[in-house]
Every structure is written in C-alpha cells, then in structure tokens.
Amino acid sequence: MKKHLLIFGKVQGVGFRYWLYEKAIKKNIRGYVKNRISGEVEALLIGNDEDVNELIKQCEKGPYSSNVTQVKIQDYKQEYSTQSFDILNSN
C-alpha cells in the first residue's frame, strides 16, 4: 500500500517529522516525511495495509506537542524505489 499524506495544523516546530520517522521505522514502513513551506507536513507511507492504516490513524493525532486539524490522504501511483524512510528537506 502506498499513501501520500498532507497533515495540517500545528505540525511544524513540534517534532512531528522525527516522531513519524520513529513510528515508521518501527513498523518497517518506507517513504519520507518533510515540512512544506506552506506549513503542512507531507509524508509518503509504503508498507503493508495494516501498518500503513495504523500509522495514518496515529498521524491524525500526532505527537503530544502538535495539534493536527486535518489529514488529506491520496493513493500514491508513482514508483518509489528507496528502501528506507527518510526525513527530507523542506520544499
């Protein structure tokens, strides 16, 4: 399963990317997470259905210091060959 997420709310400056990185590594999910200049956090989650769905539910709450107001989820159709989960630089 491949899901592309845009996470809205107070999600930058609160450790969201590092929190998501830790959760993804534990679940053997690959993809990436990064801050967007417009204020959201963007993530790509690739893994088995159960783990990806569980991680999406956790993203809807976020780490303790965040305040997630919305998560937009889309299927990701493109190829993504990286075998790790990475924190990418903002764009």
Protein backbone atom coordinates (compact mmCIF):
# COMPACT_ATOMS: atom_id res chain seq x y z
CA MET A 1 0.00 0.00 0.00
CA LYS A 2 1.26 3.48 -0.90
CA LYS A 3 -0.37 6.55 0.66
CA HIS A 4 0.53 10.22 0.28
CA LEU A 5 -0.44 12.40 3.25
CA LEU A 6 -0.73 16.13 3.81
CA ILE A 7 -1.03 16.88 7.51
CA PHE A 8 -2.44 20.26 8.57
CA GLY A 9 -2.48 22.13 11.87
CA LYS A 10 0.29 22.90 14.34
CA VAL A 11 2.63 20.31 12.86
CA GLN A 12 5.89 22.20 12.33
CA GLY A 13 8.30 23.08 15.11
CA VAL A 14 6.84 20.35 17.33
CA GLY A 15 9.00 17.35 16.37
CA PHE A 16 6.38 15.84 14.04
CA ARG A 17 8.85 14.63 11.41
CA TYR A 18 11.08 12.88 13.96
CA TRP A 19 8.05 11.39 15.72
CA LEU A 20 6.76 10.00 12.40
CA TYR A 21 10.22 8.75 11.44
CA GLU A 22 10.44 6.70 14.67
CA LYS A 23 6.94 5.24 14.17
CA ALA A 24 7.62 4.36 10.51
CA ILE A 25 10.95 2.65 11.26
CA LYS A 26 9.32 0.51 13.98
CA LYS A 27 6.64 -0.64 11.53
CA ASN A 28 9.08 -1.27 8.66
CA ILE A 29 7.37 1.41 6.55
CA ARG A 30 9.38 3.13 3.86
CA GLY A 31 8.90 6.51 2.22
CA TYR A 32 9.56 10.00 3.53
CA VAL A 33 8.37 12.90 5.64
CA LYS A 34 9.12 16.59 5.12
CA ASN A 35 7.94 20.06 6.06
CA ARG A 36 6.32 22.12 3.34
CA ILE A 37 6.95 25.85 3.10
CA SER A 38 3.16 26.36 3.20
CA GLY A 39 3.09 24.97 6.77
CA GLU A 40 1.94 21.36 6.34
CA VAL A 41 3.85 18.15 6.84
CA GLU A 42 3.94 15.89 3.78
CA ALA A 43 4.54 12.15 4.05
CA LEU A 44 4.68 9.09 1.84
CA LEU A 45 3.95 5.80 3.59
CA ILE A 46 4.69 2.50 1.84
CA GLY A 47 4.13 -0.82 3.57
CA ASN A 48 1.56 -3.47 4.32
CA ASP A 49 -2.06 -2.30 4.57
CA GLU A 50 -2.47 -2.85 8.30
CA ASP A 51 0.70 -0.98 9.30
CA VAL A 52 0.07 1.95 6.93
CA ASN A 53 -3.54 2.33 8.10
CA GLU A 54 -2.47 2.22 11.74
CA LEU A 55 0.21 4.86 11.14
CA ILE A 56 -2.31 7.10 9.35
CA LYS A 57 -4.55 6.90 12.45
CA GLN A 58 -1.58 7.91 14.61
CA CYS A 59 -0.86 10.84 12.25
CA GLU A 60 -4.41 12.09 12.80
CA LYS A 61 -3.45 12.61 16.47
CA GLY A 62 0.26 13.40 16.04
CA PRO A 63 2.82 13.79 18.81
CA TYR A 64 1.77 15.33 22.11
CA SER A 65 3.04 18.83 21.23
CA SER A 66 1.21 19.00 17.89
CA ASN A 67 -2.38 19.92 17.04
CA VAL A 68 -3.47 18.10 13.87
CA THR A 69 -6.57 19.66 12.29
CA GLN A 70 -6.78 17.64 9.06
CA VAL A 71 -5.07 14.82 7.18
CA LYS A 72 -5.59 14.60 3.42
CA ILE A 73 -4.86 11.11 2.10
CA GLN A 74 -4.36 10.05 -1.50
CA ASP A 75 -3.23 6.84 -3.16
CA TYR A 76 0.31 7.18 -4.49
CA LYS A 77 0.60 5.80 -8.03
CA GLN A 78 4.22 6.61 -8.85
CA GLU A 79 7.21 4.36 -8.39
CA TYR A 80 9.24 4.92 -5.23
CA SER A 81 12.31 2.74 -5.12
CA THR A 82 14.02 3.93 -1.92
CA GLN A 83 14.09 1.15 0.65
CA SER A 84 14.28 3.42 3.70
CA PHE A 85 12.19 6.03 5.48
CA ASP A 86 13.77 9.46 5.24
CA ILE A 87 13.34 12.94 6.63
CA LEU A 88 13.69 15.21 3.61
CA ASN A 89 14.48 18.91 3.41
CA SER A 90 11.60 21.35 3.01
CA ASN A 91 10.49 22.43 -0.44
